[in-house]
Amino acid sequence: MAAEAAPPPEPPHPPPSPGARAVPPAFRLRAKAELEFHAMAALQVHACGSPELLIRPCVDCGLKTGRYCDKCLAKTRMPEEEWAEGQHTPFCSMCEEAHPKCHYCRGQKWCVPPTHD
C-alpha cells in the first residue's frame, strides 16, 4: 500500500511589528478560511467598456441586452461596427431560450432587426 504524501509546509509568517498586539489563533483561522473562499470565486471578464458599447441590440430580435452568444465574437460577425476587445455577439435571454445559439452560429442568414427596449 502506498503511503500518503505529506501536506506542503506552511509559508513562513513575517515577524510581528514592534508594539503590535498578537493576533488570536481563532482570527487567523477565520481569515485563512475567508481567503480560501475568495480564492475559489474567480471573476472572468470577456469585455469591458461603456454601457453604450456593451449593451447592444440582440442580433436575433433587436432587444437591447447585456447578454451574449457563447459561441461567437461580434467583431467577426459584424466587423463594420465598433466592439470592445473580446466582446461576444449580443444575444438576449429570450432568444437563447428559443435557440441555444444566435442566428449566425445556426448558419441562418437574415438582417439584424431594428433596436427596441
N, C-alpha and C. Protein backbone atom coordinates (compact mmCIF):
# COMPACT_ATOMS: atom_id res chain seq x y z
N MET A 1 0.84 -1.17 0.00
CA MET A 1 0.00 0.00 0.00
C MET A 1 0.89 1.24 0.00
N ALA A 2 0.58 2.20 -0.84
CA ALA A 2 1.41 3.41 -0.95
C ALA A 2 1.12 4.36 0.20
N ALA A 3 2.15 4.99 0.67
CA ALA A 3 1.99 5.97 1.76
C ALA A 3 1.47 7.28 1.19
N GLU A 4 0.62 7.94 1.96
CA GLU A 4 0.08 9.23 1.53
C GLU A 4 1.17 10.28 1.60
N ALA A 5 1.13 11.22 0.66
CA ALA A 5 2.12 12.29 0.63
C ALA A 5 1.85 13.26 1.78
N ALA A 6 2.91 13.78 2.33
CA ALA A 6 2.77 14.75 3.42
C ALA A 6 2.27 16.08 2.86
N PRO A 7 1.45 16.83 3.61
CA PRO A 7 0.98 18.11 3.12
C PRO A 7 2.15 19.08 2.98
N PRO A 8 2.04 20.07 2.08
CA PRO A 8 3.15 21.02 1.91
C PRO A 8 3.31 21.86 3.18
N PRO A 9 4.52 22.30 3.45
CA PRO A 9 4.73 23.11 4.66
C PRO A 9 4.06 24.48 4.51
N GLU A 10 3.66 25.04 5.65
CA GLU A 10 3.05 26.37 5.63
C GLU A 10 4.11 27.40 5.31
N PRO A 11 3.74 28.48 4.59
CA PRO A 11 4.73 29.52 4.29
C PRO A 11 5.14 30.21 5.59
N PRO A 12 6.35 30.74 5.62
CA PRO A 12 6.80 31.41 6.85
C PRO A 12 5.97 32.68 7.10
N HIS A 13 5.72 32.96 8.36
CA HIS A 13 4.97 34.15 8.73
C HIS A 13 5.95 35.28 9.00
N PRO A 14 5.65 36.50 8.57
CA PRO A 14 6.56 37.61 8.85
C PRO A 14 6.56 37.90 10.35
N PRO A 15 7.66 38.42 10.85
CA PRO A 15 7.71 38.73 12.28
C PRO A 15 6.72 39.85 12.60
N PRO A 16 6.14 39.85 13.80
CA PRO A 16 5.20 40.91 14.16
C PRO A 16 5.90 42.25 14.26
N SER A 17 5.15 43.31 13.98
CA SER A 17 5.69 44.66 14.10
C SER A 17 5.94 44.95 15.57
N PRO A 18 6.98 45.74 15.87
CA PRO A 18 7.23 46.09 17.27
C PRO A 18 6.02 46.81 17.87
N GLY A 19 5.58 46.39 19.03
CA GLY A 19 4.45 47.02 19.71
C GLY A 19 3.09 46.55 19.23
N ALA A 20 3.04 45.65 18.24
CA ALA A 20 1.76 45.16 17.72
C ALA A 20 1.19 44.09 18.65
N ARG A 21 -0.13 44.08 18.77
CA ARG A 21 -0.77 43.06 19.59
C ARG A 21 -0.76 41.72 18.85
N ALA A 22 -0.74 40.65 19.59
CA ALA A 22 -0.77 39.32 18.99
C ALA A 22 -2.16 39.04 18.43
N VAL A 23 -2.21 38.39 17.28
CA VAL A 23 -3.48 38.04 16.65
C VAL A 23 -3.95 36.71 17.23
N PRO A 24 -5.19 36.66 17.74
CA PRO A 24 -5.68 35.39 18.31
C PRO A 24 -5.74 34.30 17.24
N PRO A 25 -5.45 33.04 17.61
CA PRO A 25 -5.46 31.94 16.64
C PRO A 25 -6.81 31.77 15.94
N ALA A 26 -7.91 32.02 16.64
CA ALA A 26 -9.24 31.88 16.02
C ALA A 26 -9.40 32.86 14.87
N PHE A 27 -8.88 34.06 15.03
CA PHE A 27 -8.97 35.06 13.96
C PHE A 27 -8.16 34.64 12.76
N ARG A 28 -6.97 34.05 13.01
CA ARG A 28 -6.12 33.58 11.91
C ARG A 28 -6.84 32.50 11.10
N LEU A 29 -7.52 31.57 11.81
CA LEU A 29 -8.25 30.51 11.10
C LEU A 29 -9.38 31.09 10.26
N ARG A 30 -10.11 32.05 10.82
CA ARG A 30 -11.22 32.66 10.08
C ARG A 30 -10.69 33.42 8.86
N ALA A 31 -9.62 34.18 9.04
CA ALA A 31 -9.04 34.93 7.93
C ALA A 31 -8.56 33.98 6.84
N LYS A 32 -7.93 32.86 7.23
CA LYS A 32 -7.45 31.89 6.24
C LYS A 32 -8.63 31.27 5.48
N ALA A 33 -9.72 30.96 6.18
CA ALA A 33 -10.90 30.38 5.53
C ALA A 33 -11.51 31.37 4.55
N GLU A 34 -11.57 32.65 4.93
CA GLU A 34 -12.13 33.65 4.03
C GLU A 34 -11.25 33.83 2.80
N LEU A 35 -9.94 33.81 2.97
CA LEU A 35 -9.05 33.92 1.82
C LEU A 35 -9.22 32.74 0.88
N GLU A 36 -9.35 31.53 1.42
CA GLU A 36 -9.56 30.36 0.58
C GLU A 36 -10.87 30.46 -0.19
N PHE A 37 -11.94 30.96 0.48
CA PHE A 37 -13.22 31.12 -0.19
C PHE A 37 -13.11 32.11 -1.34
N HIS A 38 -12.48 33.25 -1.10
CA HIS A 38 -12.37 34.26 -2.15
C HIS A 38 -11.44 33.83 -3.27
N ALA A 39 -10.48 32.99 -2.96
CA ALA A 39 -9.58 32.48 -4.00
C ALA A 39 -10.34 31.56 -4.95
N MET A 40 -11.38 30.87 -4.45
CA MET A 40 -12.16 29.97 -5.31
C MET A 40 -13.11 30.75 -6.20
N ALA A 41 -13.61 31.89 -5.76
CA ALA A 41 -14.57 32.67 -6.53
C ALA A 41 -13.82 33.57 -7.49
N ALA A 42 -13.64 33.13 -8.72
CA ALA A 42 -12.91 33.90 -9.72
C ALA A 42 -13.89 34.57 -10.66
N LEU A 43 -13.57 35.78 -11.06
CA LEU A 43 -14.39 36.53 -11.99
C LEU A 43 -13.66 36.58 -13.32
N GLN A 44 -14.36 36.23 -14.37
CA GLN A 44 -13.76 36.25 -15.69
C GLN A 44 -14.45 37.33 -16.51
N VAL A 45 -13.69 38.28 -17.02
CA VAL A 45 -14.23 39.37 -17.82
C VAL A 45 -13.87 39.12 -19.27
N HIS A 46 -14.89 39.07 -20.12
CA HIS A 46 -14.64 38.86 -21.55
C HIS A 46 -14.44 40.17 -22.27
N ALA A 47 -15.14 41.22 -21.83
CA ALA A 47 -15.03 42.53 -22.47
C ALA A 47 -15.37 43.60 -21.44
N CYS A 48 -14.76 44.76 -21.57
CA CYS A 48 -15.10 45.86 -20.68
C CYS A 48 -15.19 47.13 -21.52
N GLY A 49 -16.05 48.04 -21.08
CA GLY A 49 -16.24 49.29 -21.79
C GLY A 49 -17.45 50.02 -21.25
N SER A 50 -17.88 51.03 -21.95
CA SER A 50 -19.02 51.84 -21.53
C SER A 50 -20.32 51.07 -21.75
N PRO A 51 -21.40 51.49 -21.05
CA PRO A 51 -22.69 50.83 -21.29
C PRO A 51 -23.14 50.93 -22.76
N GLU A 52 -22.83 52.05 -23.40
CA GLU A 52 -23.21 52.20 -24.82
C GLU A 52 -22.51 51.16 -25.70
N LEU A 53 -21.30 50.80 -25.32
CA LEU A 53 -20.55 49.83 -26.11
C LEU A 53 -20.97 48.39 -25.80
N LEU A 54 -21.33 48.13 -24.54
CA LEU A 54 -21.62 46.75 -24.12
C LEU A 54 -23.09 46.37 -24.19
N ILE A 55 -24.01 47.30 -23.99
CA ILE A 55 -25.45 46.99 -24.05
C ILE A 55 -25.91 47.28 -25.47
N ARG A 56 -26.12 46.24 -26.22
CA ARG A 56 -26.40 46.35 -27.65
C ARG A 56 -27.65 45.56 -27.99
N PRO A 57 -28.22 45.81 -29.18
CA PRO A 57 -29.41 45.05 -29.59
C PRO A 57 -29.08 43.59 -29.91
N CYS A 58 -29.95 42.71 -29.46
CA CYS A 58 -29.83 41.29 -29.75
C CYS A 58 -29.83 41.10 -31.27
N VAL A 59 -28.94 40.25 -31.77
CA VAL A 59 -28.85 40.05 -33.22
C VAL A 59 -30.03 39.28 -33.77
N ASP A 60 -30.80 38.61 -32.91
CA ASP A 60 -31.95 37.85 -33.39
C ASP A 60 -33.27 38.61 -33.31
N CYS A 61 -33.44 39.47 -32.26
CA CYS A 61 -34.74 40.15 -32.11
C CYS A 61 -34.65 41.66 -31.98
N GLY A 62 -33.47 42.22 -31.71
CA GLY A 62 -33.31 43.66 -31.61
C GLY A 62 -33.46 44.23 -30.20
N LEU A 63 -33.83 43.40 -29.21
CA LEU A 63 -33.99 43.86 -27.84
C LEU A 63 -32.62 44.24 -27.26
N LYS A 64 -32.52 45.42 -26.63
CA LYS A 64 -31.25 45.81 -26.02
C LYS A 64 -30.93 44.85 -24.89
N THR A 65 -29.68 44.38 -24.89
CA THR A 65 -29.28 43.36 -23.91
C THR A 65 -27.81 43.49 -23.53
N GLY A 66 -27.48 42.96 -22.40
CA GLY A 66 -26.09 42.86 -21.95
C GLY A 66 -25.63 41.41 -21.95
N ARG A 67 -26.43 40.55 -22.56
CA ARG A 67 -26.08 39.12 -22.67
C ARG A 67 -25.50 38.86 -24.05
N TYR A 68 -24.79 37.74 -24.16
CA TYR A 68 -24.07 37.47 -25.40
C TYR A 68 -24.15 36.01 -25.79
N CYS A 69 -23.95 35.75 -27.07
CA CYS A 69 -23.84 34.39 -27.57
C CYS A 69 -22.51 33.82 -27.06
N ASP A 70 -22.55 32.61 -26.55
CA ASP A 70 -21.33 31.99 -26.01
C ASP A 70 -20.40 31.49 -27.11
N LYS A 71 -20.90 31.42 -28.33
CA LYS A 71 -20.16 30.74 -29.39
C LYS A 71 -19.35 31.65 -30.30
N CYS A 72 -19.69 32.94 -30.43
CA CYS A 72 -19.02 33.75 -31.45
C CYS A 72 -18.72 35.18 -31.00
N LEU A 73 -17.70 35.76 -31.61
CA LEU A 73 -17.30 37.14 -31.33
C LEU A 73 -18.02 38.10 -32.28
N ALA A 74 -18.43 39.23 -31.72
CA ALA A 74 -19.18 40.22 -32.50
C ALA A 74 -18.33 40.79 -33.64
N LYS A 75 -17.03 40.98 -33.39
CA LYS A 75 -16.16 41.59 -34.40
C LYS A 75 -16.09 40.74 -35.67
N THR A 76 -16.19 39.42 -35.54
CA THR A 76 -16.14 38.56 -36.73
C THR A 76 -17.50 38.52 -37.44
N ARG A 77 -18.59 38.74 -36.69
CA ARG A 77 -19.93 38.68 -37.28
C ARG A 77 -20.35 40.02 -37.89
N MET A 78 -19.98 41.12 -37.24
CA MET A 78 -20.36 42.46 -37.70
C MET A 78 -19.14 43.38 -37.66
N PRO A 79 -18.18 43.19 -38.56
CA PRO A 79 -16.92 43.95 -38.50
C PRO A 79 -17.08 45.44 -38.77
N GLU A 80 -18.19 45.85 -39.36
CA GLU A 80 -18.39 47.27 -39.67
C GLU A 80 -18.73 48.11 -38.43
N GLU A 81 -19.07 47.47 -37.32
CA GLU A 81 -19.42 48.17 -36.09
C GLU A 81 -18.23 48.15 -35.12
N GLU A 82 -18.26 49.09 -34.15
CA GLU A 82 -17.20 49.15 -33.13
C GLU A 82 -17.56 48.22 -31.98
N TRP A 83 -16.60 47.39 -31.57
CA TRP A 83 -16.81 46.42 -30.49
C TRP A 83 -15.65 46.48 -29.52
N ALA A 84 -15.91 46.14 -28.27
CA ALA A 84 -14.85 46.02 -27.28
C ALA A 84 -14.02 44.78 -27.62
N GLU A 85 -12.77 44.79 -27.23
CA GLU A 85 -11.90 43.65 -27.46
C GLU A 85 -12.48 42.42 -26.75
N GLY A 86 -12.71 41.35 -27.48
CA GLY A 86 -13.23 40.11 -26.90
C GLY A 86 -14.74 40.09 -26.70
N GLN A 87 -15.46 41.10 -27.18
CA GLN A 87 -16.91 41.15 -26.98
C GLN A 87 -17.62 40.13 -27.87
N HIS A 88 -18.47 39.35 -27.25
CA HIS A 88 -19.24 38.35 -27.99
C HIS A 88 -20.47 39.00 -28.63
N THR A 89 -21.11 38.29 -29.52
CA THR A 89 -22.28 38.78 -30.25
C THR A 89 -23.47 38.94 -29.30
N PRO A 90 -24.13 40.12 -29.28
CA PRO A 90 -25.28 40.33 -28.39
C PRO A 90 -26.40 39.34 -28.70
N PHE A 91 -26.92 38.69 -27.64
CA PHE A 91 -27.91 37.64 -27.81
C PHE A 91 -28.72 37.59 -26.52
N CYS A 92 -30.00 38.00 -26.55
CA CYS A 92 -30.81 38.12 -25.33
C CYS A 92 -31.25 36.76 -24.78
N SER A 93 -31.69 36.77 -23.52
CA SER A 93 -32.08 35.52 -22.86
C SER A 93 -33.33 34.89 -23.47
N MET A 94 -34.26 35.72 -23.96
CA MET A 94 -35.48 35.15 -24.58
C MET A 94 -35.13 34.37 -25.83
N CYS A 95 -34.24 34.93 -26.64
CA CYS A 95 -33.83 34.22 -27.86
C CYS A 95 -32.99 32.99 -27.53
N GLU A 96 -32.19 33.08 -26.46
CA GLU A 96 -31.38 31.94 -26.06
C GLU A 96 -32.25 30.79 -25.56
N GLU A 97 -33.40 31.12 -24.94
CA GLU A 97 -34.33 30.06 -24.52
C GLU A 97 -34.92 29.35 -25.73
N ALA A 98 -35.16 30.11 -26.81
CA ALA A 98 -35.72 29.52 -28.02
C ALA A 98 -34.66 28.73 -28.81
N HIS A 99 -33.44 29.26 -28.84
CA HIS A 99 -32.34 28.64 -29.60
C HIS A 99 -31.06 28.78 -28.77
N PRO A 100 -30.27 27.75 -28.62
CA PRO A 100 -29.05 27.85 -27.80
C PRO A 100 -27.95 28.71 -28.43
N LYS A 101 -28.06 29.01 -29.74
CA LYS A 101 -27.05 29.80 -30.43
C LYS A 101 -27.73 30.91 -31.23
N CYS A 102 -26.99 31.99 -31.51
CA CYS A 102 -27.53 33.08 -32.33
C CYS A 102 -27.70 32.62 -33.78
N HIS A 103 -28.39 33.43 -34.59
CA HIS A 103 -28.66 33.01 -35.97
C HIS A 103 -27.38 32.87 -36.79
N TYR A 104 -26.34 33.63 -36.44
CA TYR A 104 -25.07 33.48 -37.16
C TYR A 104 -24.51 32.07 -36.92
N CYS A 105 -24.49 31.65 -35.66
CA CYS A 105 -23.95 30.32 -35.31
C CYS A 105 -24.82 29.19 -35.85
N ARG A 106 -26.12 29.45 -35.99
CA ARG A 106 -27.01 28.43 -36.55
C ARG A 106 -26.93 28.37 -38.07
N GLY A 107 -26.16 29.30 -38.67
CA GLY A 107 -25.99 29.30 -40.12
C GLY A 107 -27.16 29.90 -40.87
N GLN A 108 -28.00 30.70 -40.18
CA GLN A 108 -29.14 31.34 -40.83
C GLN A 108 -28.76 32.76 -41.21
N LYS A 109 -29.14 33.17 -42.40
CA LYS A 109 -28.79 34.50 -42.90
C LYS A 109 -30.04 35.38 -42.89
N TRP A 110 -30.00 36.43 -42.07
CA TRP A 110 -31.04 37.44 -42.09
C TRP A 110 -30.50 38.72 -41.52
N CYS A 111 -31.21 39.81 -41.71
CA CYS A 111 -30.79 41.12 -41.21
C CYS A 111 -31.05 41.20 -39.71
N VAL A 112 -30.22 41.95 -39.02
CA VAL A 112 -30.43 42.20 -37.59
C VAL A 112 -31.63 43.12 -37.49
N PRO A 113 -32.65 42.78 -36.70
CA PRO A 113 -33.86 43.60 -36.60
C PRO A 113 -33.57 44.96 -35.95
N PRO A 114 -34.50 45.94 -36.12
CA PRO A 114 -34.29 47.25 -35.51
C PRO A 114 -34.26 47.16 -33.98
N THR A 115 -33.53 48.09 -33.37
CA THR A 115 -33.38 48.13 -31.91
C THR A 115 -34.68 48.51 -31.25
N HIS A 116 -34.97 47.88 -30.10
CA HIS A 116 -36.11 48.27 -29.27
C HIS A 116 -35.79 47.94 -27.82
N ASP A 117 -36.52 48.59 -26.89
CA ASP A 117 -36.30 48.37 -25.44
C ASP A 117 -37.22 47.31 -24.90
